[in-house]
PDB file of N, CA and C in Angstrom:
ATOM      1  N   MET A   1      44.504  -2.913 -18.497  1.00  0.00           N
ATOM      2  CA  MET A   1      43.840  -1.621 -19.111  1.00  0.00           C
ATOM      3  C   MET A   1      42.534  -1.063 -18.109  1.00  0.00           C
ATOM      4  N   THR A   2      43.417   0.673 -18.041  1.00  0.00           N
ATOM      5  CA  THR A   2      41.837   1.286 -17.557  1.00  0.00           C
ATOM      6  C   THR A   2      40.355   1.100 -18.223  1.00  0.00           C
ATOM      7  N   SER A   3      39.286   1.475 -17.545  1.00  0.00           N
ATOM      8  CA  SER A   3      38.550   1.364 -17.807  1.00  0.00           C
ATOM      9  C   SER A   3      37.991   2.730 -18.856  1.00  0.00           C
ATOM     10  N   ARG A   4      38.657   2.867 -18.851  1.00  0.00           N
ATOM     11  CA  ARG A   4      38.735   4.655 -19.960  1.00  0.00           C
ATOM     12  C   ARG A   4      39.102   4.040 -21.246  1.00  0.00           C
ATOM     13  N   GLY A   5      39.708   3.064 -20.708  1.00  0.00           N
ATOM     14  CA  GLY A   5      40.449   1.945 -22.608  1.00  0.00           C
ATOM     15  C   GLY A   5      39.178   1.128 -22.967  1.00  0.00           C
ATOM     16  N   LEU A   6      38.525  -0.054 -21.943  1.00  0.00           N
ATOM     17  CA  LEU A   6      37.829  -0.466 -22.203  1.00  0.00           C
ATOM     18  C   LEU A   6      37.190  -0.307 -22.329  1.00  0.00           C
ATOM     19  N   ALA A   7      36.216   1.067 -22.427  1.00  0.00           N
ATOM     20  CA  ALA A   7      35.557   1.922 -22.796  1.00  0.00           C
ATOM     21  C   ALA A   7      35.277   2.389 -24.522  1.00  0.00           C
ATOM     22  N   LEU A   8      36.384   3.059 -24.905  1.00  0.00           N
ATOM     23  CA  LEU A   8      37.209   3.787 -25.862  1.00  0.00           C
ATOM     24  C   LEU A   8      37.034   1.480 -27.069  1.00  0.00           C
ATOM     25  N   ALA A   9      37.721   0.790 -25.919  1.00  0.00           N
ATOM     26  CA  ALA A   9      37.822  -0.399 -27.413  1.00  0.00           C
ATOM     27  C   ALA A   9      36.535  -0.961 -27.584  1.00  0.00           C
ATOM     28  N   ALA A  10      35.340  -1.013 -26.759  1.00  0.00           N
ATOM     29  CA  ALA A  10      34.242  -1.046 -26.986  1.00  0.00           C
ATOM     30  C   ALA A  10      33.430  -0.771 -27.924  1.00  0.00           C
ATOM     31  N   ALA A  11      33.845   0.710 -27.609  1.00  0.00           N
ATOM     32  CA  ALA A  11      32.932   2.375 -28.172  1.00  0.00           C
ATOM     33  C   ALA A  11      33.107   1.232 -30.261  1.00  0.00           C
ATOM     34  N   GLY A  12      35.040   1.043 -30.285  1.00  0.00           N
ATOM     35  CA  GLY A  12      35.555   1.348 -31.402  1.00  0.00           C
ATOM     36  C   GLY A  12      34.959  -0.661 -32.505  1.00  0.00           C
ATOM     37  N   LEU A  13      34.170  -1.601 -31.143  1.00  0.00           N
ATOM     38  CA  LEU A  13      33.605  -2.721 -31.293  1.00  0.00           C
ATOM     39  C   LEU A  13      32.165  -2.336 -32.143  1.00  0.00           C
ATOM     40  N   VAL A  14      31.194  -1.777 -30.990  1.00  0.00           N
ATOM     41  CA  VAL A  14      29.996  -1.326 -31.748  1.00  0.00           C
ATOM     42  C   VAL A  14      29.975  -1.028 -33.481  1.00  0.00           C
ATOM     43  N   LEU A  15      31.181  -0.308 -32.874  1.00  0.00           N
ATOM     44  CA  LEU A  15      31.480   1.207 -34.722  1.00  0.00           C
ATOM     45  C   LEU A  15      31.294   0.133 -35.663  1.00  0.00           C
ATOM     46  N   VAL A  16      32.440  -1.041 -35.625  1.00  0.00           N
ATOM     47  CA  VAL A  16      32.742  -1.904 -36.634  1.00  0.00           C
ATOM     48  C   VAL A  16      31.995  -2.167 -36.720  1.00  0.00           C
ATOM     49  N   GLY A  17      30.930  -3.127 -35.772  1.00  0.00           N
ATOM     50  CA  GLY A  17      29.437  -4.004 -36.059  1.00  0.00           C
ATOM     51  C   GLY A  17      29.181  -3.187 -36.836  1.00  0.00           C
ATOM     52  N   TYR A  18      28.970  -1.611 -36.194  1.00  0.00           N
ATOM     53  CA  TYR A  18      27.994  -1.055 -36.905  1.00  0.00           C
ATOM     54  C   TYR A  18      28.382  -0.332 -38.856  1.00  0.00           C
ATOM     55  N   LEU A  19      28.904  -0.308 -38.925  1.00  0.00           N
ATOM     56  CA  LEU A  19      29.419  -0.091 -40.103  1.00  0.00           C
ATOM     57  C   LEU A  19      29.179  -1.895 -41.301  1.00  0.00           C
ATOM     58  N   ILE A  20      29.837  -3.060 -40.985  1.00  0.00           N
ATOM     59  CA  ILE A  20      29.400  -4.522 -41.581  1.00  0.00           C
ATOM     60  C   ILE A  20      28.061  -4.720 -41.407  1.00  0.00           C
ATOM     61  N   TYR A  21      27.532  -4.228 -41.009  1.00  0.00           N
ATOM     62  CA  TYR A  21      26.351  -4.498 -40.309  1.00  0.00           C
ATOM     63  C   TYR A  21      25.844  -3.869 -41.657  1.00  0.00           C
ATOM     64  N   GLY A  22      26.052  -2.296 -41.484  1.00  0.00           N
ATOM     65  CA  GLY A  22      25.071  -1.152 -42.133  1.00  0.00           C
ATOM     66  C   GLY A  22      25.587  -2.482 -44.329  1.00  0.00           C
ATOM     67  N   THR A  23      26.762  -2.631 -44.858  1.00  0.00           N
ATOM     68  CA  THR A  23      27.548  -2.224 -45.570  1.00  0.00           C
ATOM     69  C   THR A  23      26.646  -3.476 -46.798  1.00  0.00           C
ATOM     70  N   VAL A  24      26.423  -5.174 -45.461  1.00  0.00           N
ATOM     71  CA  VAL A  24      26.241  -6.386 -45.792  1.00  0.00           C
ATOM     72  C   VAL A  24      24.351  -5.740 -46.228  1.00  0.00           C
ATOM     73  N   SER A  25      24.226  -5.277 -44.983  1.00  0.00           N
ATOM     74  CA  SER A  25      22.654  -5.388 -45.027  1.00  0.00           C
ATOM     75  C   SER A  25      21.641  -5.030 -46.220  1.00  0.00           C
ATOM     76  N   SER A  26      22.692  -3.940 -46.867  1.00  0.00           N
ATOM     77  CA  SER A  26      22.461  -2.496 -47.755  1.00  0.00           C
ATOM     78  C   SER A  26      23.007  -3.290 -49.265  1.00  0.00           C
ATOM     79  N   GLN A  27      22.805  -4.172 -49.521  1.00  0.00           N
ATOM     80  CA  GLN A  27      23.709  -5.643 -50.385  1.00  0.00           C
ATOM     81  C   GLN A  27      22.340  -6.411 -50.497  1.00  0.00           C
ATOM     82  N   LYS A  28      21.221  -6.030 -50.944  1.00  0.00           N
ATOM     83  CA  LYS A  28      19.682  -6.697 -51.557  1.00  0.00           C
ATOM     84  C   LYS A  28      20.902  -8.226 -52.573  1.00  0.00           C
ATOM     85  N   VAL A  29      20.303  -7.622 -53.122  1.00  0.00           N
ATOM     86  CA  VAL A  29      20.541  -8.251 -55.326  1.00  0.00           C
ATOM     87  C   VAL A  29      21.646  -8.364 -55.286  1.00  0.00           C
ATOM     88  N   GLU A  30      21.932  -9.765 -56.071  1.00  0.00           N
ATOM     89  CA  GLU A  30      23.414  -9.804 -57.213  1.00  0.00           C
ATOM     90  C   GLU A  30      23.258 -10.326 -58.082  1.00  0.00           C
ATOM     91  N   CYS A  31      24.070  -9.841 -59.353  1.00  0.00           N
ATOM     92  CA  CYS A  31      24.390 -10.975 -60.899  1.00  0.00           C
ATOM     93  C   CYS A  31      26.241 -10.615 -60.550  1.00  0.00           C
ATOM     94  N   ALA A  32      25.679 -11.863 -61.536  1.00  0.00           N
ATOM     95  CA  ALA A  32      26.357 -12.304 -62.387  1.00  0.00           C
ATOM     96  C   ALA A  32      26.235 -11.927 -64.097  1.00  0.00           C
ATOM     97  N   VAL A  33      26.847 -11.450 -64.383  1.00  0.00           N
ATOM     98  CA  VAL A  33      27.173 -10.713 -65.790  1.00  0.00           C
ATOM     99  C   VAL A  33      28.434 -11.625 -66.381  1.00  0.00           C
ATOM    100  N   VAL A  34      28.727 -11.194 -67.987  1.00  0.00           N
ATOM    101  CA  VAL A  34      29.743 -11.830 -68.590  1.00  0.00           C
ATOM    102  C   VAL A  34      29.790 -11.099 -69.956  1.00  0.00           C
ATOM    103  N   MET A  35      30.843  -9.961 -69.981  1.00  0.00           N
ATOM    104  CA  MET A  35      30.916  -8.900 -70.908  1.00  0.00           C
ATOM    105  C   MET A  35      32.322  -9.291 -72.162  1.00  0.00           C
ATOM    106  N   GLU A  36      31.788  -8.832 -73.025  1.00  0.00           N
ATOM    107  CA  GLU A  36      33.095  -9.110 -73.904  1.00  0.00           C
ATOM    108  C   GLU A  36      32.848  -7.982 -74.729  1.00  0.00           C
ATOM    109  N   PHE A  37      34.050  -7.519 -75.416  1.00  0.00           N
ATOM    110  CA  PHE A  37      34.299  -6.558 -76.153  1.00  0.00           C
ATOM    111  C   PHE A  37      35.758  -6.715 -76.617  1.00  0.00           C
ATOM    112  N   GLY A  38      35.618  -6.310 -77.938  1.00  0.00           N
ATOM    113  CA  GLY A  38      37.373  -6.715 -78.497  1.00  0.00           C
ATOM    114  C   GLY A  38      38.204  -7.260 -78.188  1.00  0.00           C
ATOM    115  N   GLY A  39      36.500  -8.542 -78.512  1.00  0.00           N
ATOM    116  CA  GLY A  39      37.375 -10.170 -78.398  1.00  0.00           C
ATOM    117  C   GLY A  39      37.947 -10.393 -77.348  1.00  0.00           C
ATOM    118  N   ARG A  40      37.734 -10.192 -76.258  1.00  0.00           N
ATOM    119  CA  ARG A  40      38.079 -10.867 -75.544  1.00  0.00           C
ATOM    120  C   ARG A  40      36.412 -10.920 -74.504  1.00  0.00           C
ATOM    121  N   ARG A  41      36.268 -11.798 -73.617  1.00  0.00           N
ATOM    122  CA  ARG A  41      35.545 -11.239 -72.743  1.00  0.00           C
ATOM    123  C   ARG A  41      35.796 -12.627 -70.864  1.00  0.00           C
ATOM    124  N   ASP A  42      35.272 -11.824 -70.186  1.00  0.00           N
ATOM    125  CA  ASP A  42      34.689 -12.062 -68.784  1.00  0.00           C
ATOM    126  C   ASP A  42      33.937 -11.653 -67.784  1.00  0.00           C
ATOM    127  N   SER A  43      33.925 -12.588 -66.520  1.00  0.00           N
ATOM    128  CA  SER A  43      32.907 -12.330 -66.321  1.00  0.00           C
ATOM    129  C   SER A  43      33.491 -11.572 -64.905  1.00  0.00           C
ATOM    130  N   ALA A  44      31.720 -11.310 -63.913  1.00  0.00           N
ATOM    131  CA  ALA A  44      31.917 -10.415 -62.274  1.00  0.00           C
ATOM    132  C   ALA A  44      30.581 -10.725 -61.842  1.00  0.00           C
ATOM    133  N   VAL A  45      31.274 -10.434 -60.623  1.00  0.00           N
ATOM    134  CA  VAL A  45      29.864 -10.592 -60.087  1.00  0.00           C
ATOM    135  C   VAL A  45      29.540  -9.812 -58.911  1.00  0.00           C
ATOM    136  N   ALA A  46      28.322  -9.024 -58.652  1.00  0.00           N
ATOM    137  CA  ALA A  46      28.435  -8.360 -57.981  1.00  0.00           C
ATOM    138  C   ALA A  46      27.256  -7.990 -57.124  1.00  0.00           C
ATOM    139  N   SER A  47      27.333  -6.994 -55.905  1.00  0.00           N
ATOM    140  CA  SER A  47      25.535  -7.038 -55.587  1.00  0.00           C
ATOM    141  C   SER A  47      25.894  -5.166 -55.653  1.00  0.00           C
ATOM    142  N   GLY A  48      24.305  -4.495 -54.773  1.00  0.00           N
ATOM    143  CA  GLY A  48      23.915  -4.303 -54.682  1.00  0.00           C
ATOM    144  C   GLY A  48      22.329  -3.206 -53.947  1.00  0.00           C
ATOM    145  N   SER A  49      21.960  -2.528 -53.814  1.00  0.00           N
ATOM    146  CA  SER A  49      21.195  -2.287 -53.453  1.00  0.00           C
ATOM    147  C   SER A  49      19.475  -2.346 -54.304  1.00  0.00           C
ATOM    148  N   SER A  50      20.016  -2.667 -55.404  1.00  0.00           N
ATOM    149  CA  SER A  50      19.103  -2.851 -57.096  1.00  0.00           C
ATOM    150  C   SER A  50      19.562  -3.812 -57.707  1.00  0.00           C
ATOM    151  N   ALA A  51      19.005  -4.320 -58.434  1.00  0.00           N
ATOM    152  CA  ALA A  51      18.995  -5.148 -59.853  1.00  0.00           C
ATOM    153  C   ALA A  51      19.955  -4.000 -60.337  1.00  0.00           C
ATOM    154  N   GLU A  52      19.977  -3.450 -61.024  1.00  0.00           N
ATOM    155  CA  GLU A  52      20.571  -1.982 -61.851  1.00  0.00           C
ATOM    156  C   GLU A  52      21.868  -1.769 -61.576  1.00  0.00           C
ATOM    157  N   GLU A  53      21.635  -1.092 -60.489  1.00  0.00           N
ATOM    158  CA  GLU A  53      23.535  -1.092 -59.580  1.00  0.00           C
ATOM    159  C   GLU A  53      24.181  -3.206 -59.376  1.00  0.00           C
ATOM    160  N   ALA A  54      23.986  -3.985 -58.948  1.00  0.00           N
ATOM    161  CA  ALA A  54      24.502  -4.759 -59.471  1.00  0.00           C
ATOM    162  C   ALA A  54      24.623  -4.931 -60.542  1.00  0.00           C
ATOM    163  N   GLU A  55      24.294  -5.211 -61.793  1.00  0.00           N
ATOM    164  CA  GLU A  55      24.147  -5.401 -62.675  1.00  0.00           C
ATOM    165  C   GLU A  55      25.847  -4.209 -63.269  1.00  0.00           C
ATOM    166  N   GLN A  56      25.014  -2.702 -62.832  1.00  0.00           N
ATOM    167  CA  GLN A  56      25.819  -1.641 -63.544  1.00  0.00           C
ATOM    168  C   GLN A  56      27.271  -2.322 -62.913  1.00  0.00           C
ATOM    169  N   GLN A  57      27.893  -2.510 -61.250  1.00  0.00           N
ATOM    170  CA  GLN A  57      28.954  -2.668 -60.901  1.00  0.00           C
ATOM    171  C   GLN A  57      29.629  -4.407 -61.637  1.00  0.00           C
ATOM    172  N   ALA A  58      29.393  -4.732 -62.069  1.00  0.00           N
ATOM    173  CA  ALA A  58      29.792  -6.122 -62.788  1.00  0.00           C
ATOM    174  C   ALA A  58      30.057  -5.525 -63.666  1.00  0.00           C
ATOM    175  N   ARG A  59      29.222  -4.793 -64.827  1.00  0.00           N
ATOM    176  CA  ARG A  59      29.820  -4.521 -65.879  1.00  0.00           C
ATOM    177  C   ARG A  59      30.762  -3.917 -65.364  1.00  0.00           C
ATOM    178  N   THR A  60      31.344  -3.009 -65.076  1.00  0.00           N
ATOM    179  CA  THR A  60      32.453  -2.332 -64.383  1.00  0.00           C
ATOM    180  C   THR A  60      34.017  -3.583 -64.507  1.00  0.00           C
ATOM    181  N   THR A  61      33.349  -3.779 -63.298  1.00  0.00           N
ATOM    182  CA  THR A  61      34.432  -4.917 -62.748  1.00  0.00           C
ATOM    183  C   THR A  61      34.940  -5.883 -63.934  1.00  0.00           C
ATOM    184  N   ALA A  62      34.116  -6.604 -64.626  1.00  0.00           N
ATOM    185  CA  ALA A  62      34.106  -6.929 -65.657  1.00  0.00           C
ATOM    186  C   ALA A  62      35.061  -6.539 -67.118  1.00  0.00           C
ATOM    187  N   CYS A  63      34.886  -5.132 -66.896  1.00  0.00           N
ATOM    188  CA  CYS A  63      35.080  -4.543 -68.728  1.00  0.00           C
ATOM    189  C   CYS A  63      36.433  -4.084 -68.136  1.00  0.00           C
ATOM    190  N   ALA A  64      36.807  -3.742 -67.010  1.00  0.00           N
ATOM    191  CA  ALA A  64      38.396  -2.927 -66.841  1.00  0.00           C
ATOM    192  C   ALA A  64      39.710  -4.181 -66.329  1.00  0.00           C
ATOM    193  N   THR A  65      39.098  -5.926 -67.017  1.00  0.00           N
ATOM    194  CA  THR A  65      39.729  -6.458 -67.221  1.00  0.00           C
ATOM    195  C   THR A  65      40.536  -6.901 -68.591  1.00  0.00           C
ATOM    196  N   ILE A  66      39.036  -6.652 -69.058  1.00  0.00           N
ATOM    197  CA  ILE A  66      38.864  -6.640 -71.187  1.00  0.00           C
ATOM    198  C   ILE A  66      39.576  -4.810 -71.924  1.00  0.00           C
ATOM    199  N   SER A  67      39.400  -4.358 -70.984  1.00  0.00           N
ATOM    200  CA  SER A  67      39.283  -2.982 -72.121  1.00  0.00           C
ATOM    201  C   SER A  67      41.079  -1.979 -71.263  1.00  0.00           C
ATOM    202  N   SER A  68      41.391  -1.725 -71.904  1.00  0.00           N
ATOM    203  CA  SER A  68      42.761  -0.901 -71.713  1.00  0.00           C
ATOM    204  C   SER A  68      41.912   0.655 -71.953  1.00  0.00           C
ATOM    205  N   GLY A  69      42.363   1.331 -71.717  1.00  0.00           N
ATOM    206  CA  GLY A  69      42.296   3.776 -71.705  1.00  0.00           C
ATOM    207  C   GLY A  69      40.560   3.479 -70.912  1.00  0.00           C
ATOM    208  N   MET A  70      40.534   5.099 -70.268  1.00  0.00           N
ATOM    209  CA  MET A  70      38.694   4.580 -70.869  1.00  0.00           C
ATOM    210  C   MET A  70      37.526   4.983 -70.847  1.00  0.00           C
ATOM    211  N   ASN A  71      38.038   5.195 -73.043  1.00  0.00           N
ATOM    212  CA  ASN A  71      37.349   5.257 -73.790  1.00  0.00           C
ATOM    213  C   ASN A  71      36.887   3.890 -74.089  1.00  0.00           C
ATOM    214  N   ASP A  72      37.973   2.555 -73.972  1.00  0.00           N
ATOM    215  CA  ASP A  72      37.285   1.635 -73.745  1.00  0.00           C
ATOM    216  C   ASP A  72      36.304   0.260 -72.766  1.00  0.00           C
ATOM    217  N   ARG A  73      37.118   1.340 -71.447  1.00  0.00           N
ATOM    218  CA  ARG A  73      36.147   0.866 -70.392  1.00  0.00           C
ATOM    219  C   ARG A  73      34.717   1.761 -70.745  1.00  0.00           C
ATOM    220  N   ILE A  74      34.356   2.336 -71.215  1.00  0.00           N
ATOM    221  CA  ILE A  74      33.117   3.112 -71.016  1.00  0.00           C
ATOM    222  C   ILE A  74      32.017   2.705 -71.899  1.00  0.00           C
ATOM    223  N   ALA A  75      33.726   2.117 -73.517  1.00  0.00           N
ATOM    224  CA  ALA A  75      32.312   1.498 -74.652  1.00  0.00           C
ATOM    225  C   ALA A  75      31.711   0.723 -73.770  1.00  0.00           C
ATOM    226  N   CYS A  76      33.194  -0.540 -73.501  1.00  0.00           N
ATOM    227  CA  CYS A  76      32.869  -1.840 -72.796  1.00  0.00           C
ATOM    228  C   CYS A  76      31.517  -1.925 -72.234  1.00  0.00           C
ATOM    229  N   GLY A  77      31.595  -0.400 -71.216  1.00  0.00           N
ATOM    230  CA  GLY A  77      30.254  -0.913 -69.861  1.00  0.00           C
ATOM    231  C   GLY A  77      28.858  -0.410 -70.684  1.00  0.00           C
ATOM    232  N   ASP A  78      28.770   0.633 -71.453  1.00  0.00           N
ATOM    233  CA  ASP A  78      28.116   0.853 -72.363  1.00  0.00           C
ATOM    234  C   ASP A  78      27.318  -0.167 -72.965  1.00  0.00           C
ATOM    235  N   ARG A  79      27.841  -1.705 -73.740  1.00  0.00           N
ATOM    236  CA  ARG A  79      27.149  -2.979 -73.988  1.00  0.00           C
ATOM    237  C   ARG A  79      26.886  -3.497 -73.445  1.00  0.00           C
ATOM    238  N   PRO A  80      25.661  -4.696 -73.888  1.00  0.00           N
ATOM    239  CA  PRO A  80      24.659  -4.539 -73.305  1.00  0.00           C
ATOM    240  C   PRO A  80      25.483  -6.146 -72.168  1.00  0.00           C
ATOM    241  N   PRO A  81      25.141  -7.353 -71.091  1.00  0.00           N
ATOM    242  CA  PRO A  81      26.108  -8.467 -71.079  1.00  0.00           C
ATOM    243  C   PRO A  81      25.398  -9.357 -72.504  1.00  0.00           C
ATOM    244  N   VAL A  82      27.083 -10.348 -72.754  1.00  0.00           N
ATOM    245  CA  VAL A  82      26.716 -11.234 -72.827  1.00  0.00           C
ATOM    246  C   VAL A  82      25.125 -12.122 -72.247  1.00  0.00           C
ATOM    247  N   ARG A  83      25.413 -12.521 -70.958  1.00  0.00           N
ATOM    248  CA  ARG A  83      24.791 -13.261 -70.376  1.00  0.00           C
ATOM    249  C   ARG A  83      24.973 -12.155 -69.009  1.00  0.00           C
ATOM    250  N   LYS A  84      23.238 -12.664 -68.412  1.00  0.00           N
ATOM    251  CA  LYS A  84      23.089 -11.701 -67.205  1.00  0.00           C
ATOM    252  C   LYS A  84      22.072 -12.392 -66.282  1.00  0.00           C
ATOM    253  N   ASP A  85      22.521 -13.241 -64.438  1.00  0.00           N
ATOM    254  CA  ASP A  85      21.945 -13.436 -64.049  1.00  0.00           C
ATOM    255  C   ASP A  85      21.885 -12.829 -62.395  1.00  0.00           C
ATOM    256  N   CYS A  86      20.781 -12.218 -62.515  1.00  0.00           N
ATOM    257  CA  CYS A  86      20.654 -11.360 -61.030  1.00  0.00           C
ATOM    258  C   CYS A  86      19.594 -12.194 -59.932  1.00  0.00           C
ATOM    259  N   ARG A  87      19.510 -12.426 -58.690  1.00  0.00           N
ATOM    260  CA  ARG A  87      19.072 -12.544 -57.687  1.00  0.00           C
ATOM    261  C   ARG A  87      18.860 -12.063 -56.346  1.00  0.00           C
ATOM    262  N   ALA A  88      18.469 -12.106 -55.549  1.00  0.00           N
ATOM    263  CA  ALA A  88      18.198 -11.385 -54.056  1.00  0.00           C
ATOM    264  C   ALA A  88      19.216 -12.339 -53.742  1.00  0.00           C
ATOM    265  N   ALA A  89      19.925 -11.690 -52.480  1.00  0.00           N
ATOM    266  CA  ALA A  89      21.578 -11.545 -52.543  1.00  0.00           C
ATOM    267  C   ALA A  89      20.165 -12.167 -50.542  1.00  0.00           C
TER     268      ALA A  89
END
């Protein structure tokens, strides 16, 4: 491999490392929620930079499997979780 190829490979690795570090370091809170909608129940875990963001992502994920159609997903996501546990990641 030429020195230019090695330099490009090294720069690519640095960029990938930076992207991974930036993504992981911004996830400061992890929430586990249990959602119930239409007689069905599911749980999900998500992380985010705040408890509100992590909870919302977990609610959206859980509701995606127990609801059908956009209206149901929105209605499910607007309900409070049956159970919620958030902690620092």
